Protein backbone atom coordinates (compact mmCIF):
# COMPACT_ATOMS: atom_id res chain seq x y z
CA UNK A 1 168.92 -37.59 110.83
CA UNK A 2 167.48 -36.40 114.16
CA UNK A 3 169.05 -32.97 113.65
CA UNK A 4 167.57 -32.68 110.22
CA UNK A 5 164.09 -33.63 111.47
CA UNK A 6 164.38 -30.99 114.19
CA UNK A 7 165.55 -28.40 111.70
CA UNK A 8 162.65 -29.26 109.39
CA UNK A 9 160.16 -28.90 112.22
CA UNK A 10 161.65 -25.52 113.21
CA UNK A 11 161.54 -24.28 109.57
CA UNK A 12 157.89 -25.48 109.26
CA UNK A 13 156.86 -23.92 112.55
CA UNK A 14 158.39 -20.59 111.51
CA UNK A 15 156.69 -20.74 108.13
CA UNK A 16 153.33 -21.49 109.77
CA UNK A 17 153.77 -18.64 112.21
CA UNK A 18 154.62 -16.23 109.27
CA UNK A 19 151.57 -17.41 107.33
CA UNK A 20 149.39 -17.07 110.46
CA UNK A 21 150.54 -13.54 111.12
CA UNK A 22 150.00 -12.59 107.40
CA UNK A 23 146.42 -13.97 107.37
CA UNK A 24 143.71 -11.50 107.18
CA UNK A 25 140.39 -13.01 108.45
CA UNK A 26 138.29 -10.79 106.18
CA UNK A 27 140.36 -11.61 103.04
CA UNK A 28 140.38 -15.28 103.86
CA UNK A 29 136.66 -15.36 104.25
CA UNK A 30 136.26 -13.48 100.98
CA UNK A 31 138.54 -15.90 99.19
CA UNK A 32 136.72 -18.95 100.67
CA UNK A 33 133.37 -17.68 99.38
CA UNK A 34 135.01 -16.94 95.98
CA UNK A 35 136.40 -20.48 95.80
CA UNK A 36 133.03 -21.91 96.61
CA UNK A 37 131.53 -19.75 93.89
CA UNK A 38 134.07 -21.15 91.38
CA UNK A 39 133.10 -24.64 92.48
CA UNK A 40 129.46 -23.87 92.00
CA UNK A 41 130.21 -22.66 88.41
CA UNK A 42 132.14 -25.74 87.63
CA UNK A 43 129.32 -27.95 89.19
CA UNK A 44 126.75 -26.17 87.08
CA UNK A 45 128.82 -26.71 83.98
CA UNK A 46 129.13 -30.39 84.86
CA UNK A 47 125.35 -30.60 85.46
CA UNK A 48 124.75 -28.96 82.04
CA UNK A 49 127.09 -31.42 80.30
CA UNK A 50 125.43 -34.38 81.99
CA UNK A 51 122.00 -33.20 80.98
CA UNK A 52 123.18 -32.68 77.44
CA UNK A 53 124.66 -36.16 77.35
CA UNK A 54 121.41 -37.47 78.84
CA UNK A 55 119.35 -35.79 76.14
CA UNK A 56 121.66 -37.15 73.38
CA UNK A 57 121.39 -40.72 74.81
CA UNK A 58 117.64 -40.44 74.94
CA UNK A 59 117.56 -39.34 71.25
CA UNK A 60 119.88 -42.27 70.26
CA UNK A 61 117.71 -44.66 72.27
CA UNK A 62 114.53 -43.52 70.55
CA UNK A 63 116.29 -43.70 67.18
CA UNK A 64 117.51 -47.31 67.70
CA UNK A 65 114.21 -48.39 69.16
CA UNK A 66 112.45 -46.96 66.14
CA UNK A 67 114.88 -48.69 63.79
CA UNK A 68 114.39 -52.00 65.62
CA UNK A 69 110.60 -51.66 65.23
CA UNK A 70 110.98 -50.79 61.59
CA UNK A 71 113.09 -53.91 60.84
CA UNK A 72 110.68 -55.99 62.83
CA UNK A 73 107.90 -54.90 60.50
CA UNK A 74 110.04 -55.55 57.47
CA UNK A 75 110.82 -59.10 58.65
CA UNK A 76 107.14 -59.73 59.11
CA UNK A 77 106.46 -58.43 55.65
CA UNK A 78 109.11 -60.67 54.09
CA UNK A 79 107.67 -63.75 55.82
CA UNK A 80 104.26 -62.93 54.47
CA UNK A 81 105.68 -62.69 50.99
CA UNK A 82 107.67 -65.87 51.33
CA UNK A 83 110.99 -64.18 51.38
CA UNK A 84 112.60 -65.89 54.25
CA UNK A 85 116.04 -64.74 53.29
CA UNK A 86 114.89 -61.07 53.48
CA UNK A 87 113.16 -61.82 56.72
CA UNK A 88 116.37 -63.22 58.18
CA UNK A 89 118.37 -60.16 56.99
CA UNK A 90 115.64 -57.87 58.51
CA UNK A 91 115.75 -59.68 61.88
CA UNK A 92 119.59 -59.35 61.93
CA UNK A 93 119.28 -55.59 61.46
CA UNK A 94 116.49 -55.52 64.04
CA UNK A 95 118.61 -57.35 66.58
CA UNK A 96 121.47 -54.87 66.04
CA UNK A 97 119.30 -51.89 66.70
CA UNK A 98 117.61 -53.62 69.57
CA UNK A 99 120.90 -54.43 71.24
CA UNK A 100 122.19 -50.93 70.78
CA UNK A 101 118.93 -49.63 72.26
CA UNK A 102 119.38 -51.96 75.27
CA UNK A 103 122.90 -50.58 75.85
CA UNK A 104 121.64 -47.08 75.48
CA UNK A 105 118.82 -47.75 77.92
CA UNK A 106 121.33 -48.84 80.57
CA UNK A 107 123.48 -45.81 79.84
CA UNK A 108 120.46 -43.53 80.06
CA UNK A 109 119.60 -45.05 83.42
CA UNK A 110 123.06 -44.31 84.76
CA UNK A 111 122.93 -40.81 83.30
CA UNK A 112 119.66 -40.12 84.89
CA UNK A 113 121.06 -41.16 88.39
CA UNK A 114 124.20 -38.99 87.67
CA UNK A 115 122.13 -35.95 86.68
CA UNK A 116 119.96 -36.37 89.84
CA UNK A 117 123.02 -36.57 92.01
CA UNK A 118 124.64 -33.60 90.34
CA UNK A 119 121.47 -31.56 90.79
CA UNK A 120 121.29 -32.42 94.43
CA UNK A 121 124.94 -31.60 94.90
CA UNK A 122 124.31 -28.22 93.11
CA UNK A 123 121.44 -27.42 95.40
CA UNK A 124 123.52 -28.40 98.38
CA UNK A 125 126.41 -26.25 97.21
CA UNK A 126 124.20 -23.26 96.64
CA UNK A 127 122.81 -23.67 100.13
CA UNK A 128 126.31 -23.93 101.68
CA UNK A 129 127.42 -20.82 99.71
CA UNK A 130 124.44 -18.82 101.06
CA UNK A 131 125.25 -20.05 104.58
CA UNK A 132 128.93 -19.26 104.03
CA UNK A 133 128.02 -15.69 102.97
CA UNK A 134 125.88 -15.22 105.94
CA UNK A 135 128.58 -16.58 108.27
CA UNK A 136 131.18 -14.56 106.52
CA UNK A 137 129.33 -11.32 107.26
CA UNK A 138 128.87 -12.38 110.87
CA UNK A 139 132.55 -13.25 111.26
CA UNK A 140 133.55 -9.99 109.48
CA UNK A 141 131.50 -8.03 111.95
CA UNK A 142 133.06 -9.99 114.80
CA UNK A 143 136.56 -9.38 113.36
CA UNK A 144 135.89 -5.62 113.01
CA UNK A 145 134.60 -5.51 116.52
CA UNK A 146 137.62 -7.38 117.81
CA UNK A 147 139.93 -4.93 115.91
CA UNK A 148 138.09 -1.93 117.28
CA UNK A 149 138.29 -3.34 120.80
CA UNK A 150 141.94 -3.97 120.38
CA UNK A 151 142.56 -0.40 119.13
CA UNK A 152 140.52 0.90 122.12
CA UNK A 153 142.53 -1.20 124.58
CA UNK A 154 145.80 0.01 122.98
CA UNK A 155 144.63 3.58 123.19
CA UNK A 156 143.58 3.18 126.80
CA UNK A 157 146.87 1.54 127.64
CA UNK A 158 148.69 4.43 126.13
CA UNK A 159 146.78 7.00 128.08
CA UNK A 160 148.47 8.06 131.37
CA UNK A 161 145.59 8.24 133.86
CA UNK A 162 147.86 8.53 136.90
CA UNK A 163 148.26 12.30 136.56
CA UNK A 164 144.58 12.82 135.90
CA UNK A 165 143.65 10.76 138.97
CA UNK A 166 146.26 12.65 141.03
CA UNK A 167 144.61 15.95 139.98
CA UNK A 168 141.23 14.55 141.11
CA UNK A 169 142.73 13.51 144.41
CA UNK A 170 144.22 16.96 144.93
CA UNK A 171 140.94 18.67 144.12
CA UNK A 172 139.07 16.31 146.49
CA UNK A 173 141.52 17.12 149.30
CA UNK A 174 141.13 20.86 148.54
CA UNK A 175 137.44 20.67 148.71
CA UNK A 176 137.48 18.62 151.86
CA UNK A 177 139.70 21.38 153.40
CA UNK A 178 137.34 24.09 152.25
CA UNK A 179 134.43 22.16 153.66
CA UNK A 180 136.29 21.87 157.00
CA UNK A 181 137.02 25.58 157.09
CA UNK A 182 133.33 26.38 156.36
CA UNK A 183 132.23 24.09 159.09
CA UNK A 184 134.68 25.61 161.57
CA UNK A 185 133.50 29.14 160.60
CA UNK A 186 129.87 28.08 161.14
CA UNK A 187 130.81 26.63 164.56
CA UNK A 188 132.71 29.76 165.60
CA UNK A 189 129.96 31.96 164.31
CA UNK A 190 127.39 30.06 166.32
CA UNK A 191 129.55 30.25 169.47
CA UNK A 192 130.08 33.98 169.09
CA UNK A 193 126.30 34.48 168.59
CA UNK A 194 125.58 32.43 171.74
CA UNK A 195 128.03 34.58 173.64
CA UNK A 196 126.30 37.76 172.48
CA UNK A 197 122.94 36.51 173.45
CA UNK A 198 124.29 35.42 176.90
CA UNK A 199 125.80 38.84 177.38
CA UNK A 200 122.57 40.41 176.33
CA UNK A 201 120.62 38.26 178.80
CA UNK A 202 123.13 39.07 181.57
CA UNK A 203 122.83 42.84 180.75
CA UNK A 204 119.01 42.59 180.91
CA UNK A 205 119.28 40.83 184.21
CA UNK A 206 121.48 43.49 185.66
CA UNK A 207 119.21 46.19 184.28
CA UNK A 208 116.20 44.50 185.88
CA UNK A 209 118.06 44.30 189.19
CA UNK A 210 119.12 47.91 188.93
CA UNK A 211 115.53 48.99 188.28
CA UNK A 212 114.35 47.01 191.37
CA UNK A 213 116.97 48.84 193.42
CA UNK A 214 115.88 52.19 192.14
CA UNK A 215 112.26 51.38 192.91
CA UNK A 216 113.20 50.14 196.25
CA UNK A 217 115.32 53.29 196.97
CA UNK A 218 112.38 55.57 195.80
CA UNK A 219 109.84 53.74 197.96
CA UNK A 220 112.00 54.03 201.12
CA UNK A 221 111.99 57.79 201.55
CA UNK A 222 108.24 57.84 200.78
CA UNK A 223 107.66 55.29 203.54
CA UNK A 224 109.85 57.19 205.94
CA UNK A 225 108.09 60.46 205.09
CA UNK A 226 104.73 58.81 205.69
CA UNK A 227 105.95 57.53 208.91
CA UNK A 228 107.17 60.85 209.94
CA UNK A 229 103.87 62.39 209.04
CA UNK A 230 102.11 59.80 211.22
CA UNK A 231 104.35 60.54 214.08
CA UNK A 232 103.87 64.28 213.65
CA UNK A 233 100.12 63.85 213.68
CA UNK A 234 100.40 61.86 216.85
CA UNK A 235 102.51 64.46 218.34
CA UNK A 236 100.15 67.17 217.25
CA UNK A 237 97.39 65.43 218.91
CA UNK A 238 99.30 65.53 222.20
CA UNK A 239 99.13 68.90 223.91
CA UNK A 240 102.74 69.99 223.96
CA UNK A 241 104.07 73.28 224.28
CA UNK A 242 105.96 74.18 221.12
CA UNK A 243 108.61 76.82 221.34
CA UNK A 244 108.88 79.39 218.51
CA UNK A 245 111.37 78.38 215.83
CA UNK A 246 114.45 80.40 215.61
CA UNK A 247 116.65 81.40 212.63
CA UNK A 248 119.00 78.63 213.46
CA UNK A 249 116.14 76.11 213.29
CA UNK A 250 115.13 77.36 209.81
CA UNK A 251 118.75 77.18 208.64
CA UNK A 252 119.06 73.58 209.91
CA UNK A 253 115.83 72.54 208.13
CA UNK A 254 117.04 74.13 204.91
CA UNK A 255 120.39 72.24 205.14
CA UNK A 256 118.62 68.95 205.76
CA UNK A 257 116.24 69.59 202.75
CA UNK A 258 119.28 70.31 200.60
CA UNK A 259 120.97 67.11 201.78
CA UNK A 260 117.83 65.11 200.87
CA UNK A 261 117.74 66.73 197.40
CA UNK A 262 121.34 65.83 196.75
CA UNK A 263 120.75 62.23 197.91
CA UNK A 264 117.73 61.90 195.54
CA UNK A 265 119.73 63.26 192.62
CA UNK A 266 122.54 60.75 193.25
CA UNK A 267 120.01 57.93 193.15
């Protein structure tokens, strides 16, 4: 018996699982609203039948009440004319119609209550159907959004992003390498430029020093010549006997002048 119970539960669980997988939320909602619509149609038919029965009972009630009143008047007429036998018969008929009218009155009261309840149920069902339609549209929208999200997730899961990310990483490394090379080039260029300016400054310093040396070398012979002139003037002021220059003296002077010219050219 325990095995059969377990087997029954397994079969029922599998059937429920199959039904759950086969369920389409949109179709189920549509069917639920359709079922409620059918219930609404049936309820309206019931209300219509109840109202028809109510009207019929009202007509029967009025008819029996009218008959009872008529036989009451006939009984009174018979009494006035001394026909007690006819009056008795009229009262019997009147009682029959009056009793029937009383039963119909009770029946009509019940029917009025039933019609009122049916109308209230009809209004409530119409309100529920409208609410169900609104909720159905909302749930359908949520179901569609869930399906779209599931499809998107499935698509994203099937996309291989590792290769794309690897490509981005390679490009980033390449760009970083190019940036490093550019920075190194800028540094080297700046260093080379600094060296050129340093060499230029050093060259200018050497040129300045050379110019100073040239100026000094040019001023020295002039000072010596001025000194010699002063000495010669001092000597000329002193009465000394000067011998007549010879050809050898002129040749020595010419040689000394030529040596001075050569020295000045070399400077």
